[in-house]
Protein backbone atom coordinates (compact mmCIF):
# COMPACT_ATOMS: atom_id res chain seq x y z
CA UNK A 1 23.86 -4.89 -39.87
CA UNK A 2 21.21 -5.94 -42.61
CA UNK A 3 17.32 -4.66 -42.37
CA UNK A 4 16.25 -8.56 -41.31
CA UNK A 5 18.87 -8.49 -38.31
CA UNK A 6 17.61 -5.45 -37.31
CA UNK A 7 14.26 -6.30 -37.15
CA UNK A 8 14.41 -9.50 -35.76
CA UNK A 9 16.54 -8.23 -33.17
CA UNK A 10 13.96 -5.42 -32.49
CA UNK A 11 11.64 -8.46 -31.48
CA UNK A 12 13.54 -10.59 -30.08
CA UNK A 13 14.13 -7.40 -27.40
CA UNK A 14 10.31 -6.86 -27.78
CA UNK A 15 10.32 -10.62 -26.13
CA UNK A 16 12.91 -10.38 -24.12
CA UNK A 17 11.17 -7.11 -22.27
CA UNK A 18 7.91 -8.61 -22.41
CA UNK A 19 9.15 -11.92 -20.60
CA UNK A 20 10.34 -9.75 -18.18
CA UNK A 21 7.29 -7.36 -17.21
CA UNK A 22 4.90 -10.23 -16.83
CA UNK A 23 7.28 -12.37 -14.46
CA UNK A 24 7.90 -8.91 -12.59
CA UNK A 25 4.32 -8.97 -12.41
CA UNK A 26 3.81 -12.32 -11.45
CA UNK A 27 6.15 -11.91 -8.54
CA UNK A 28 4.03 -8.95 -7.46
CA UNK A 29 0.72 -10.33 -7.44
CA UNK A 30 2.28 -13.43 -5.40
CA UNK A 31 4.23 -10.64 -3.05
CA UNK A 32 0.28 -8.92 -2.50
CA UNK A 33 -1.42 -12.18 -2.06
CA UNK A 34 0.63 -13.63 0.34
CA UNK A 35 0.80 -9.21 1.92
CA UNK A 36 -3.24 -9.64 1.99
CA UNK A 37 -3.08 -13.14 3.81
CA UNK A 38 -1.45 -11.28 6.58
CA UNK A 39 -3.75 -8.28 6.32
CA UNK A 40 -6.38 -10.84 6.57
CA UNK A 41 -5.20 -12.36 10.51
CA UNK A 42 -3.95 -8.85 11.88
CA UNK A 43 -8.14 -7.66 10.67
CA UNK A 44 -9.49 -10.97 12.50
CA UNK A 45 -6.87 -10.60 15.26
CA UNK A 46 -7.19 -6.88 16.22
CA UNK A 47 -11.42 -7.82 15.68
CA UNK A 48 -11.07 -10.67 18.55
CA UNK A 49 -8.65 -8.43 20.97
CA UNK A 50 -11.38 -5.79 20.74
CA UNK A 51 -9.04 -3.50 18.71
CA UNK A 52 -10.96 0.02 18.34
CA UNK A 53 -11.30 1.40 14.41
CA UNK A 54 -11.03 4.97 13.72
CA UNK A 55 -12.25 7.23 11.35
CA UNK A 56 -9.87 7.66 9.05
CA UNK A 57 -8.37 10.59 7.57
CA UNK A 58 -5.86 11.04 4.50
CA UNK A 59 -3.03 13.81 5.00
CA UNK A 60 -2.29 16.54 2.47
CA UNK A 61 1.12 15.83 0.20
CA UNK A 62 2.22 18.85 1.81
CA UNK A 63 2.36 17.69 4.96
CA UNK A 64 -0.16 19.58 7.11
CA UNK A 65 -3.61 18.95 6.04
CA UNK A 66 -5.51 16.65 6.31
CA UNK A 67 -9.17 14.87 4.40
CA UNK A 68 -11.89 13.30 5.17
CA UNK A 69 -12.17 9.73 3.54
CA UNK A 70 -14.81 8.11 4.90
CA UNK A 71 -13.43 5.23 5.65
CA UNK A 72 -12.67 3.13 9.21
CA UNK A 73 -10.13 0.85 10.30
CA UNK A 74 -6.61 1.03 12.24
CA UNK A 75 -3.41 3.08 11.42
CA UNK A 76 -0.33 1.13 11.44
CA UNK A 77 1.80 3.84 12.16
CA UNK A 78 1.81 7.65 14.58
CA UNK A 79 1.89 9.47 10.98
CA UNK A 80 -1.37 7.92 9.86
CA UNK A 81 -0.28 7.34 6.59
CA UNK A 82 -0.99 3.64 6.36
CA UNK A 83 -3.78 1.96 7.18
CA UNK A 84 -5.94 -1.33 6.91
CA UNK A 85 -9.36 -0.28 6.95
CA UNK A 86 -12.45 -2.20 7.92
CA UNK A 87 -12.95 -3.55 4.65
CA UNK A 88 -9.04 -6.54 5.11
CA UNK A 89 -7.78 -3.26 2.49
CA UNK A 90 -4.59 -1.45 2.53
CA UNK A 91 -4.27 2.40 2.65
CA UNK A 92 -2.21 4.46 1.51
CA UNK A 93 -3.02 8.02 2.84
CA UNK A 94 -1.78 10.52 1.22
CA UNK A 95 -3.59 12.54 -1.57
CA UNK A 96 -3.05 15.77 -3.22
CA UNK A 97 -4.61 18.34 -2.13
CA UNK A 98 -7.84 20.34 -3.43
CA UNK A 99 -10.17 22.77 -2.16
CA UNK A 100 -13.07 20.21 -3.19
CA UNK A 101 -11.08 17.58 -0.95
CA UNK A 102 -11.49 19.91 1.55
CA UNK A 103 -15.39 20.21 1.38
CA UNK A 104 -16.51 16.64 -0.09
CA UNK A 105 -13.44 14.65 1.16
CA UNK A 106 -10.60 12.96 -0.81
CA UNK A 107 -11.30 9.78 -1.65
CA UNK A 108 -8.66 6.56 -1.15
CA UNK A 109 -8.65 3.71 -3.24
CA UNK A 110 -6.83 0.86 -1.54
CA UNK A 111 -3.32 0.08 -2.84
CA UNK A 112 -1.55 -2.98 -3.56
CA UNK A 113 0.00 -4.52 -0.11
CA UNK A 114 3.88 -5.31 -0.47
CA UNK A 115 5.74 -7.74 2.10
CA UNK A 116 7.99 -4.77 2.67
CA UNK A 117 7.04 -1.07 4.07
CA UNK A 118 8.99 1.53 2.88
CA UNK A 119 11.22 -0.52 0.34
CA UNK A 120 14.14 1.73 -0.99
CA UNK A 121 13.92 4.27 1.33
CA UNK A 122 16.30 5.55 3.76
CA UNK A 123 17.82 3.27 6.56
CA UNK A 124 15.44 2.73 9.88
CA UNK A 125 12.20 3.47 7.05
CA UNK A 126 11.93 -0.02 6.26
CA UNK A 127 9.68 -2.88 7.98
CA UNK A 128 8.32 -5.77 6.93
CA UNK A 129 4.32 -6.38 6.69
CA UNK A 130 4.32 -9.20 10.11
CA UNK A 131 6.33 -6.34 12.03
CA UNK A 132 4.31 -3.32 11.23
CA UNK A 133 0.87 -5.77 12.16
CA UNK A 134 2.92 -7.42 14.94
CA UNK A 135 3.62 -3.78 16.38
CA UNK A 136 0.08 -2.31 15.69
CA UNK A 137 -1.76 -5.13 17.38
CA UNK A 138 0.41 -4.50 20.50
CA UNK A 139 -0.19 -0.60 20.45
CA UNK A 140 -3.86 0.80 20.85
CA UNK A 141 -3.17 4.40 21.33
CA UNK A 142 -2.82 5.02 16.82
């Protein structure tokens, strides 16, 4: 191959990679938008039903330690690692452990919600966000 051909191929490859990345970003943004609509409906329904909020805590990666977060909302499962905040945001409540977090609490930022929770996980650990939110509305003991 000549140097010009190598450069053409490299440019084409770079354009293809950029196009794929842009398409992936577009799909993820559309999915997050749909998920946010489901979450907004959940928050509205939870408030209408009087489903109480709780102080949310985050779990350390070690699985043993819990940290205050300053957030309030609704846990989505018994393991308390996913939640919807009163602010209508989706939170993944796992954090690295630290002495500072033990003293001052952990900072948890909202995550981009997905339409399927546990995608790529073992069988039985995958559930649609719609079903997870519906199940949560049916339980008031989490």
